[in-house]
Each structure stands twice: as structure tokens, then as C-alpha cells.
Amino acid sequence: MRAALVGYSSSEEEEEEEGEGGRRGGGARASARARWVPRPGSSRSPGDQEEEEEGADDSSKHGGRVRSFPHERGNWATYVYMPYKVQEDFLELLDLLVSHARTYVSSLTAMEEFHISLSQSVVLRYHWINPFVQSLKERLASFDRFFCVADQVKVYTNQNKNRTFIGLEVSAGHFQLLELVSEVDKVMEEFDLPTFYKDPSFHISLAWCVGDLTGSLEGQCLRELQDIVDRFEDSALVLRVQWEQIRCKSGNKFFSFPLR
């Protein structure tokens, strides 16, 4: 089974990832365009002060990861996602999967937070954060809570192939996620930022490692991992997730948008 390419951000702020959503059959990048066009009626007061994002570009502090775009004062790495609040049974399954996968790739690191991405990681200037968040709030206000099932083990890489991920791909609930992405994309277009992938592979990332190790994790390893999921007691219940909110993370700021 082939790897899907995903546009993971490499900053420390999303230790996850980031499960970010992926695209099959093609490179994906989370870079923002340089042009910034003011929204009508928006302004920035001369007294507004930019807060600086933390984080220097020292990969040794981030497990060998490298940022997908350079850190600059006033640039805030931003992405939209749905957080997954894990239960004890999920952590038990995670431990089984990561422990087994480490017999193939010993350097795998389990995620500490879990989510499904609804956007690429993009760059926002500090004074665009509030209008960006307000636009998201308006477009996402009408969405109801829903369930999805994430039970298909997949291997992903980022575009630069310097990070590899094991994730659980969504097998039910794909349509609802696409509807959400459609609204998030409209906000991205409003701010002249990259939209999401054309053929996204929505997934929850479970573990990651530095380098392109798809050759070691696919094939026999991937089949064995899927067998662990299929045989796990009550896996159908454990991997059926109700989504209750959407979040946006911009630098060290978090914004929540509850679903109805």
C-alpha cells in the first residue's frame, strides 16, 4: 500500500502533526504567499503590538524536525483542526500499534495529542489573526456535531520526505469533513493563503519518525498493524469519534469553535 504525502508543519507548537490532512499521489506544501491584501474595513492601529512567536530554528530541540518555513518575527504558523479527546482504550490500542511498529522502525515516537486537520499549516501576520479567526467563526457557526470512523492504518510522509507518520485514516464521515474543509478553504482564499488538498486523506496521526521510512513501515508491517486494529476488542466503538469542536492554532494562541 502506497504512502500518501501530507503537508506537516515541523514547528514545536504542533508536536503531534500534526496529524495534518493529507493528499494522495502528489506533493503538498504548507507555504503562504507573500502578498497580503487588506480586507475591506479592516485596519491596524499604530498602537497594536506584534507578539513574537517562540521558537528558534534549532532542529536539535525538536527531535530532528525542520520547519517547513523559516521562523520570522511577526509570522505565526497557523492551522485549523478537530481535536480528538482520547479514551483509555484508544491509548491501549496506540501502545500496541507503536510497540509493534518499533520492531520495524525503532525510532518511532508516539503522538501526545491527536486530531484531524482541516487545513494546511500557513503563515499569518500577527495583525491578521483576529480577522482570520472571526471569519472562521462566521463560516463554521452552522455546523452540527457528527461521528466519523478512523480505522484504516496508513503510512504518510511530508512533502520533503524528512518525516514519516503512521495514522488512522477516516473510513466513514469523509463527506462531513469535506464540507468543513470547503468553508475553511473559503477563509484561506479570503486571506490569499493555500487551501487544503484536492483529494485529502483525513486521518489521526499516531506516531512519527525523522526521515522517509515508508519502505520499512509499509508492506508486512502495515498489514500486521491493520490486523492489530481489526482484532482489538471493541475497536469499532473505540475508533468511532464524535467531533464536538473545531480549533485554530496560531503560534501559541488557541481558538475554539463549538459545533452545534
Protein backbone atom coordinates (compact mmCIF):
# COMPACT_ATOMS: atom_id res chain seq x y z
CA MET A 1 0.00 0.00 0.00
CA ARG A 2 1.50 3.29 -1.04
CA ALA A 3 2.23 6.27 1.14
CA ALA A 4 0.21 9.43 0.93
CA LEU A 5 2.04 12.74 1.00
CA VAL A 6 0.99 15.17 3.65
CA GLY A 7 1.92 18.75 4.42
CA TYR A 8 3.01 18.56 8.00
CA SER A 9 4.35 21.62 9.74
CA SER A 10 7.51 20.98 11.65
CA SER A 11 7.32 23.55 14.41
CA GLU A 12 7.37 22.50 18.05
CA GLU A 13 3.96 24.02 18.52
CA GLU A 14 2.28 21.03 16.92
CA GLU A 15 4.10 18.11 18.44
CA GLU A 16 1.55 15.88 17.05
CA GLU A 17 1.08 16.59 13.32
CA GLU A 18 0.16 17.03 13.28
CA GLY A 19 -1.74 14.72 12.04
CA GLU A 20 -2.47 17.26 9.31
CA GLY A 21 -4.70 16.10 6.50
CA GLY A 22 -3.10 14.55 3.52
CA ARG A 23 -3.30 14.18 -0.23
CA ARG A 24 -2.76 11.02 -2.24
CA GLY A 25 -0.47 10.93 -5.20
CA GLY A 26 1.35 14.22 -5.20
CA GLY A 27 3.42 16.65 -3.20
CA ALA A 28 1.77 19.07 -0.82
CA ARG A 29 3.20 22.18 0.74
CA ALA A 30 2.04 24.45 3.52
CA SER A 31 3.63 27.72 2.46
CA ALA A 32 1.83 31.04 2.37
CA ARG A 33 2.01 33.56 -0.43
CA ALA A 34 3.83 36.79 0.16
CA ARG A 35 1.01 39.09 -0.95
CA TRP A 36 -1.25 40.46 1.78
CA VAL A 37 -4.38 42.30 0.75
CA PRO A 38 -6.33 44.16 3.45
CA ARG A 39 -9.92 43.12 3.93
CA PRO A 40 -12.41 45.92 3.37
CA GLY A 41 -13.00 47.85 6.54
CA SER A 42 -10.10 46.26 8.39
CA SER A 43 -7.25 48.24 9.85
CA ARG A 44 -4.43 48.02 12.29
CA SER A 45 -3.93 50.64 14.93
CA PRO A 46 -0.43 52.12 15.12
CA GLY A 47 -0.52 51.20 18.79
CA ASP A 48 -1.05 47.49 18.13
CA GLN A 49 1.95 45.50 19.19
CA GLU A 50 3.08 42.30 17.49
CA GLU A 51 3.70 39.45 19.87
CA GLU A 52 6.60 37.29 18.87
CA GLU A 53 6.20 33.58 18.40
CA GLU A 54 8.54 31.46 20.43
CA GLY A 55 10.93 29.07 18.79
CA ALA A 56 14.28 29.26 17.09
CA ASP A 57 15.16 27.12 14.10
CA ASP A 58 17.26 24.63 16.08
CA SER A 59 16.23 21.16 14.94
CA SER A 60 18.05 19.55 17.87
CA LYS A 61 15.35 20.97 20.13
CA HIS A 62 12.57 19.39 18.08
CA GLY A 63 13.69 15.78 17.73
CA GLY A 64 15.50 16.45 14.46
CA ARG A 65 12.50 18.06 12.76
CA VAL A 66 12.98 21.03 10.46
CA ARG A 67 10.48 23.85 9.96
CA SER A 68 8.64 23.82 6.64
CA PHE A 69 9.05 27.61 6.54
CA PRO A 70 11.57 29.82 8.37
CA HIS A 71 10.70 31.43 11.66
CA GLU A 72 10.41 35.21 11.32
CA ARG A 73 9.26 37.81 13.80
CA GLY A 74 5.60 38.58 13.26
CA ASN A 75 4.92 35.35 11.31
CA TRP A 76 2.58 32.98 13.11
CA ALA A 77 2.28 29.35 11.99
CA THR A 78 -1.45 28.68 11.81
CA TYR A 79 -3.69 25.70 11.11
CA VAL A 80 -7.27 24.53 11.62
CA TYR A 81 -8.10 21.12 13.05
CA MET A 82 -10.53 18.97 15.02
CA PRO A 83 -9.10 17.82 18.38
CA TYR A 84 -9.62 14.23 19.47
CA LYS A 85 -10.03 13.66 23.20
CA VAL A 86 -8.63 10.18 23.72
CA GLN A 87 -10.01 7.49 25.99
CA GLU A 88 -8.10 4.80 27.88
CA ASP A 89 -8.98 2.12 25.30
CA PHE A 90 -7.56 4.25 22.49
CA LEU A 91 -4.28 4.69 24.39
CA GLU A 92 -4.12 0.93 24.87
CA LEU A 93 -4.53 0.40 21.13
CA LEU A 94 -1.95 3.13 20.44
CA ASP A 95 0.55 1.35 22.67
CA LEU A 96 0.01 -1.94 20.85
CA LEU A 97 0.46 -0.33 17.44
CA VAL A 98 3.52 1.74 18.27
CA SER A 99 5.21 -1.10 20.13
CA HIS A 100 4.74 -3.41 17.16
CA ALA A 101 5.80 -0.79 14.61
CA ARG A 102 9.01 -0.20 16.58
CA THR A 103 10.09 -3.74 15.75
CA TYR A 104 10.44 -2.38 12.20
CA VAL A 105 11.45 1.24 12.97
CA SER A 106 12.86 1.68 16.47
CA SER A 107 12.92 5.49 16.27
CA LEU A 108 9.13 5.92 16.15
CA THR A 109 7.74 8.40 18.67
CA ALA A 110 4.11 8.21 19.77
CA MET A 111 2.00 11.35 19.46
CA GLU A 112 0.91 13.07 22.65
CA GLU A 113 -2.05 14.91 21.12
CA PHE A 114 -4.40 13.76 18.39
CA HIS A 115 -6.54 15.49 15.81
CA ILE A 116 -7.75 15.61 12.21
CA SER A 117 -6.50 18.52 10.14
CA LEU A 118 -8.84 20.77 8.16
CA SER A 119 -6.14 22.98 6.68
CA GLN A 120 -2.52 23.10 5.78
CA SER A 121 -0.15 24.94 8.08
CA VAL A 122 0.05 28.51 6.80
CA VAL A 123 1.70 31.76 7.86
CA LEU A 124 -0.34 34.65 9.29
CA ARG A 125 0.95 38.06 10.20
CA TYR A 126 0.04 38.92 13.77
CA HIS A 127 -2.48 41.62 12.89
CA TRP A 128 -4.41 39.20 10.64
CA ILE A 129 -5.09 36.65 13.39
CA ASN A 130 -8.27 38.24 14.78
CA PRO A 131 -9.99 38.90 11.43
CA PHE A 132 -8.96 35.41 10.27
CA VAL A 133 -10.48 33.83 13.39
CA GLN A 134 -13.64 35.92 13.08
CA SER A 135 -14.12 34.79 9.50
CA LEU A 136 -13.70 31.15 10.57
CA LYS A 137 -16.25 31.64 13.34
CA GLU A 138 -18.83 33.01 10.92
CA ARG A 139 -18.38 30.23 8.36
CA LEU A 140 -18.35 27.36 10.86
CA ALA A 141 -21.25 28.52 13.03
CA SER A 142 -23.92 26.42 11.29
CA PHE A 143 -22.25 23.01 11.51
CA ASP A 144 -23.62 20.24 13.73
CA ARG A 145 -21.71 17.61 15.67
CA PHE A 146 -21.11 14.38 13.81
CA PHE A 147 -19.41 10.99 14.05
CA CYS A 148 -16.69 9.51 11.94
CA VAL A 149 -14.76 6.23 11.99
CA ALA A 150 -10.95 6.20 11.74
CA ASP A 151 -9.88 2.57 11.45
CA GLN A 152 -7.59 2.19 8.42
CA VAL A 153 -3.86 2.17 9.19
CA LYS A 154 -1.86 4.22 6.68
CA VAL A 155 1.71 5.47 6.32
CA TYR A 156 2.31 9.11 5.38
CA THR A 157 5.25 11.38 4.65
CA ASN A 158 5.54 15.13 4.44
CA GLN A 159 6.46 16.70 1.11
CA ASN A 160 10.16 16.93 1.85
CA LYS A 161 10.15 13.29 2.93
CA ASN A 162 12.06 14.14 6.08
CA ARG A 163 9.31 12.88 8.38
CA THR A 164 7.21 9.71 8.28
CA PHE A 165 3.93 9.14 10.11
CA ILE A 166 1.64 6.27 10.99
CA GLY A 167 -2.01 7.30 11.07
CA LEU A 168 -5.58 6.03 11.18
CA GLU A 169 -7.46 7.12 8.06
CA VAL A 170 -11.14 8.02 8.20
CA SER A 171 -13.36 5.41 6.55
CA ALA A 172 -16.73 6.99 7.48
CA GLY A 173 -17.52 10.69 7.89
CA HIS A 174 -15.43 11.79 4.93
CA PHE A 175 -18.27 13.83 3.39
CA GLN A 176 -18.85 15.90 6.54
CA LEU A 177 -15.14 16.63 6.79
CA LEU A 178 -15.08 17.77 3.17
CA GLU A 179 -17.92 20.19 3.90
CA LEU A 180 -15.94 21.70 6.76
CA VAL A 181 -12.82 21.96 4.62
CA SER A 182 -14.84 23.76 1.95
CA GLU A 183 -15.68 26.53 4.42
CA VAL A 184 -12.15 26.70 5.81
CA ASP A 185 -10.84 26.95 2.24
CA LYS A 186 -13.04 29.99 1.64
CA VAL A 187 -11.40 31.72 4.60
CA MET A 188 -7.97 30.80 3.26
CA GLU A 189 -8.85 32.26 -0.13
CA GLU A 190 -10.09 35.43 1.55
CA PHE A 191 -6.62 35.91 3.05
CA ASP A 192 -4.78 34.70 -0.05
CA LEU A 193 -3.49 31.56 1.68
CA PRO A 194 -3.12 27.99 0.35
CA THR A 195 -6.26 25.88 0.51
CA PHE A 196 -6.43 22.22 1.54
CA TYR A 197 -5.55 19.28 -0.67
CA LYS A 198 -7.78 18.31 -3.60
CA ASP A 199 -8.04 14.67 -2.54
CA PRO A 200 -7.46 14.72 1.23
CA SER A 201 -6.71 11.65 3.29
CA PHE A 202 -8.30 12.63 6.61
CA HIS A 203 -6.53 10.84 9.42
CA ILE A 204 -5.41 10.85 13.03
CA SER A 205 -1.64 10.64 13.29
CA LEU A 206 -0.40 8.13 15.87
CA ALA A 207 3.40 8.19 15.66
CA TRP A 208 6.22 9.81 13.72
CA CYS A 209 9.91 9.48 12.98
CA VAL A 210 12.56 11.51 11.19
CA GLY A 211 13.33 10.54 7.59
CA ASP A 212 11.47 8.66 4.86
CA LEU A 213 10.98 5.19 6.30
CA THR A 214 7.90 4.21 4.32
CA GLY A 215 9.78 1.25 2.88
CA SER A 216 10.18 -0.21 6.37
CA LEU A 217 6.63 0.53 7.57
CA GLU A 218 4.58 -0.44 4.52
CA GLY A 219 4.00 -3.94 3.27
CA GLN A 220 4.27 -6.58 6.01
CA CYS A 221 4.39 -4.07 8.87
CA LEU A 222 1.32 -2.20 7.65
CA ARG A 223 -0.65 -5.44 7.25
CA GLU A 224 0.25 -6.50 10.78
CA LEU A 225 -0.75 -3.13 12.19
CA GLN A 226 -4.12 -3.31 10.44
CA ASP A 227 -4.61 -6.80 11.86
CA ILE A 228 -4.00 -5.42 15.37
CA VAL A 229 -6.70 -2.80 14.79
CA ASP A 230 -9.16 -5.30 13.35
CA ARG A 231 -8.65 -7.73 16.25
CA PHE A 232 -8.68 -5.13 19.01
CA GLU A 233 -11.61 -5.63 21.37
CA ASP A 234 -14.41 -3.14 20.71
CA SER A 235 -12.31 -1.41 18.04
CA ALA A 236 -15.48 -0.34 16.20
CA LEU A 237 -16.54 1.60 19.30
CA VAL A 238 -13.06 2.87 20.22
CA LEU A 239 -12.44 4.29 16.74
CA ARG A 240 -15.88 5.87 16.31
CA VAL A 241 -15.30 9.51 17.16
CA GLN A 242 -17.83 12.26 17.83
CA TRP A 243 -16.48 15.66 16.84
CA GLU A 244 -17.71 18.46 19.07
CA GLN A 245 -15.50 21.40 18.17
CA ILE A 246 -13.08 22.87 15.67
CA ARG A 247 -9.93 24.66 16.74
CA CYS A 248 -7.49 27.07 15.20
CA LYS A 249 -3.94 27.30 16.50
CA SER A 250 -1.90 30.34 15.60
CA GLY A 251 1.51 30.42 17.24
CA ASN A 252 0.78 29.98 20.94
CA LYS A 253 -2.84 31.11 20.62
CA PHE A 254 -5.81 28.69 20.52
CA PHE A 255 -9.33 29.46 19.29
CA SER A 256 -12.30 27.11 19.65
CA PHE A 257 -15.46 26.88 17.53
CA PRO A 258 -18.06 24.55 19.14
CA LEU A 259 -20.26 22.52 16.81
CA ARG A 260 -23.98 22.69 17.46
